[in-house]
C-alpha atoms as a PDB file:
ATOM      1  CA  UNK A   1     -21.401  -8.588  31.134  1.00  0.00           C
ATOM      2  CA  UNK A   2     -20.328  -9.854  27.740  1.00  0.00           C
ATOM      3  CA  UNK A   3     -16.654  -9.647  26.717  1.00  0.00           C
ATOM      4  CA  UNK A   4     -17.213  -6.881  23.998  1.00  0.00           C
ATOM      5  CA  UNK A   5     -18.521  -4.723  26.634  1.00  0.00           C
ATOM      6  CA  UNK A   6     -15.760  -5.511  29.183  1.00  0.00           C
ATOM      7  CA  UNK A   7     -13.421  -4.577  26.664  1.00  0.00           C
ATOM      8  CA  UNK A   8     -15.252  -1.489  25.998  1.00  0.00           C
ATOM      9  CA  UNK A   9     -15.500  -0.286  29.463  1.00  0.00           C
ATOM     10  CA  UNK A  10     -11.880  -1.191  29.800  1.00  0.00           C
ATOM     11  CA  UNK A  11     -10.952   1.343  27.175  1.00  0.00           C
ATOM     12  CA  UNK A  12     -13.231   3.976  28.289  1.00  0.00           C
ATOM     13  CA  UNK A  13     -12.000   3.818  31.704  1.00  0.00           C
ATOM     14  CA  UNK A  14      -8.203   3.821  30.420  1.00  0.00           C
ATOM     15  CA  UNK A  15      -9.185   6.954  28.294  1.00  0.00           C
ATOM     16  CA  UNK A  16     -11.057   8.763  31.128  1.00  0.00           C
ATOM     17  CA  UNK A  17      -8.143   8.423  33.364  1.00  0.00           C
ATOM     18  CA  UNK A  18      -5.464   9.832  30.818  1.00  0.00           C
ATOM     19  CA  UNK A  19      -3.801  13.104  31.557  1.00  0.00           C
ATOM     20  CA  UNK A  20      -0.951  13.351  29.246  1.00  0.00           C
ATOM     21  CA  UNK A  21      -2.169  10.646  27.047  1.00  0.00           C
ATOM     22  CA  UNK A  22      -5.162  12.829  26.012  1.00  0.00           C
ATOM     23  CA  UNK A  23      -3.131  15.622  24.763  1.00  0.00           C
ATOM     24  CA  UNK A  24      -0.965  13.114  22.853  1.00  0.00           C
ATOM     25  CA  UNK A  25      -4.074  11.558  21.186  1.00  0.00           C
ATOM     26  CA  UNK A  26      -5.330  14.985  20.356  1.00  0.00           C
ATOM     27  CA  UNK A  27      -2.196  15.903  18.673  1.00  0.00           C
ATOM     28  CA  UNK A  28      -2.377  12.666  16.813  1.00  0.00           C
ATOM     29  CA  UNK A  29      -5.748  13.293  15.676  1.00  0.00           C
ATOM     30  CA  UNK A  30      -5.132  16.812  14.513  1.00  0.00           C
ATOM     31  CA  UNK A  31      -2.220  15.883  12.719  1.00  0.00           C
ATOM     32  CA  UNK A  32      -4.103  13.052  10.736  1.00  0.00           C
ATOM     33  CA  UNK A  33      -6.675  15.682  10.023  1.00  0.00           C
ATOM     34  CA  UNK A  34      -4.207  18.098   8.407  1.00  0.00           C
ATOM     35  CA  UNK A  35      -2.566  15.376   6.508  1.00  0.00           C
ATOM     36  CA  UNK A  36      -5.810  13.819   5.059  1.00  0.00           C
ATOM     37  CA  UNK A  37      -8.218  16.848   4.750  1.00  0.00           C
ATOM     38  CA  UNK A  38      -5.936  19.787   4.076  1.00  0.00           C
ATOM     39  CA  UNK A  39      -2.656  18.351   2.060  1.00  0.00           C
ATOM     40  CA  UNK A  40      -4.193  15.489   0.157  1.00  0.00           C
ATOM     41  CA  UNK A  41      -6.299  17.605  -2.153  1.00  0.00           C
ATOM     42  CA  UNK A  42      -3.354  20.081  -3.176  1.00  0.00           C
ATOM     43  CA  UNK A  43      -0.711  17.532  -3.093  1.00  0.00           C
ATOM     44  CA  UNK A  44      -2.524  14.308  -4.269  1.00  0.00           C
ATOM     45  CA  UNK A  45      -5.076  15.520  -7.136  1.00  0.00           C
ATOM     46  CA  UNK A  46      -7.319  12.697  -8.313  1.00  0.00           C
ATOM     47  CA  UNK A  47      -5.453  12.126 -11.849  1.00  0.00           C
ATOM     48  CA  UNK A  48      -7.931   9.264 -12.688  1.00  0.00           C
ATOM     49  CA  UNK A  49     -10.978  11.624 -12.656  1.00  0.00           C
ATOM     50  CA  UNK A  50      -9.224  14.087 -14.923  1.00  0.00           C
ATOM     51  CA  UNK A  51      -8.336  11.391 -17.590  1.00  0.00           C
ATOM     52  CA  UNK A  52     -11.679   9.769 -17.880  1.00  0.00           C
ATOM     53  CA  UNK A  53     -15.254   9.831 -17.016  1.00  0.00           C
ATOM     54  CA  UNK A  54     -16.716   6.425 -17.008  1.00  0.00           C
ATOM     55  CA  UNK A  55     -15.802   3.408 -15.090  1.00  0.00           C
ATOM     56  CA  UNK A  56     -15.017   1.565 -18.560  1.00  0.00           C
ATOM     57  CA  UNK A  57     -12.527   4.527 -19.342  1.00  0.00           C
ATOM     58  CA  UNK A  58     -10.667   4.453 -16.170  1.00  0.00           C
ATOM     59  CA  UNK A  59     -10.232   0.862 -16.620  1.00  0.00           C
ATOM     60  CA  UNK A  60      -8.529   1.449 -20.007  1.00  0.00           C
ATOM     61  CA  UNK A  61      -6.698   4.253 -18.870  1.00  0.00           C
ATOM     62  CA  UNK A  62      -5.316   2.386 -15.868  1.00  0.00           C
ATOM     63  CA  UNK A  63      -4.550  -0.508 -17.970  1.00  0.00           C
ATOM     64  CA  UNK A  64      -2.756   1.738 -20.467  1.00  0.00           C
ATOM     65  CA  UNK A  65      -0.637   3.349 -17.748  1.00  0.00           C
ATOM     66  CA  UNK A  66       0.347  -0.271 -16.387  1.00  0.00           C
ATOM     67  CA  UNK A  67       1.411  -1.383 -19.609  1.00  0.00           C
ATOM     68  CA  UNK A  68       3.297   1.769 -20.788  1.00  0.00           C
ATOM     69  CA  UNK A  69       5.300   2.018 -17.401  1.00  0.00           C
ATOM     70  CA  UNK A  70       6.394  -1.721 -17.469  1.00  0.00           C
ATOM     71  CA  UNK A  71      10.138  -1.907 -18.285  1.00  0.00           C
ATOM     72  CA  UNK A  72      11.373  -3.812 -21.352  1.00  0.00           C
ATOM     73  CA  UNK A  73      11.657  -7.579 -20.367  1.00  0.00           C
ATOM     74  CA  UNK A  74      14.617  -7.953 -22.649  1.00  0.00           C
ATOM     75  CA  UNK A  75      16.530  -5.252 -21.035  1.00  0.00           C
ATOM     76  CA  UNK A  76      16.129  -6.971 -17.460  1.00  0.00           C
ATOM     77  CA  UNK A  77      16.411 -10.541 -18.167  1.00  0.00           C
ATOM     78  CA  UNK A  78      19.628 -12.493 -18.030  1.00  0.00           C
ATOM     79  CA  UNK A  79      20.603 -15.321 -20.086  1.00  0.00           C
ATOM     80  CA  UNK A  80      20.305 -18.765 -18.271  1.00  0.00           C
ATOM     81  CA  UNK A  81      23.400 -20.075 -16.697  1.00  0.00           C
ATOM     82  CA  UNK A  82      24.838 -23.210 -18.175  1.00  0.00           C
ATOM     83  CA  UNK A  83      25.166 -26.130 -15.757  1.00  0.00           C
ATOM     84  CA  UNK A  84      28.519 -26.971 -14.694  1.00  0.00           C
ATOM     85  CA  UNK A  85      30.189 -30.435 -15.373  1.00  0.00           C
ATOM     86  CA  UNK A  86      29.442 -32.829 -12.982  1.00  0.00           C
ATOM     87  CA  UNK A  87      26.265 -30.759 -11.433  1.00  0.00           C
ATOM     88  CA  UNK A  88      23.654 -33.381 -12.463  1.00  0.00           C
ATOM     89  CA  UNK A  89      23.029 -36.568 -10.592  1.00  0.00           C
ATOM     90  CA  UNK A  90      23.413 -39.008 -13.635  1.00  0.00           C
ATOM     91  CA  UNK A  91      26.546 -37.082 -14.751  1.00  0.00           C
ATOM     92  CA  UNK A  92      27.053 -34.347 -17.405  1.00  0.00           C
ATOM     93  CA  UNK A  93      24.139 -34.569 -20.166  1.00  0.00           C
ATOM     94  CA  UNK A  94      25.578 -34.648 -23.770  1.00  0.00           C
END
């Protein structure tokens, strides 16, 4: 018996002998089904399909959104700190 088939048999045997775990897996699968199949279309509509139709237009739209949402770099940069005296190995540069 090969390694993949032994691993598959190991997991199948484990799932067959479950009692409480089977119910918990059923609840997990039901929860994921509700999250992705029911809630996603209502709360997370596909904005990209509304904004553009072709792949080229979608690319332009994404690029424009990324550029427009980028904060202004001048507001978020600090001026470079001046080195203190004696911080260079050869002494303080003039």
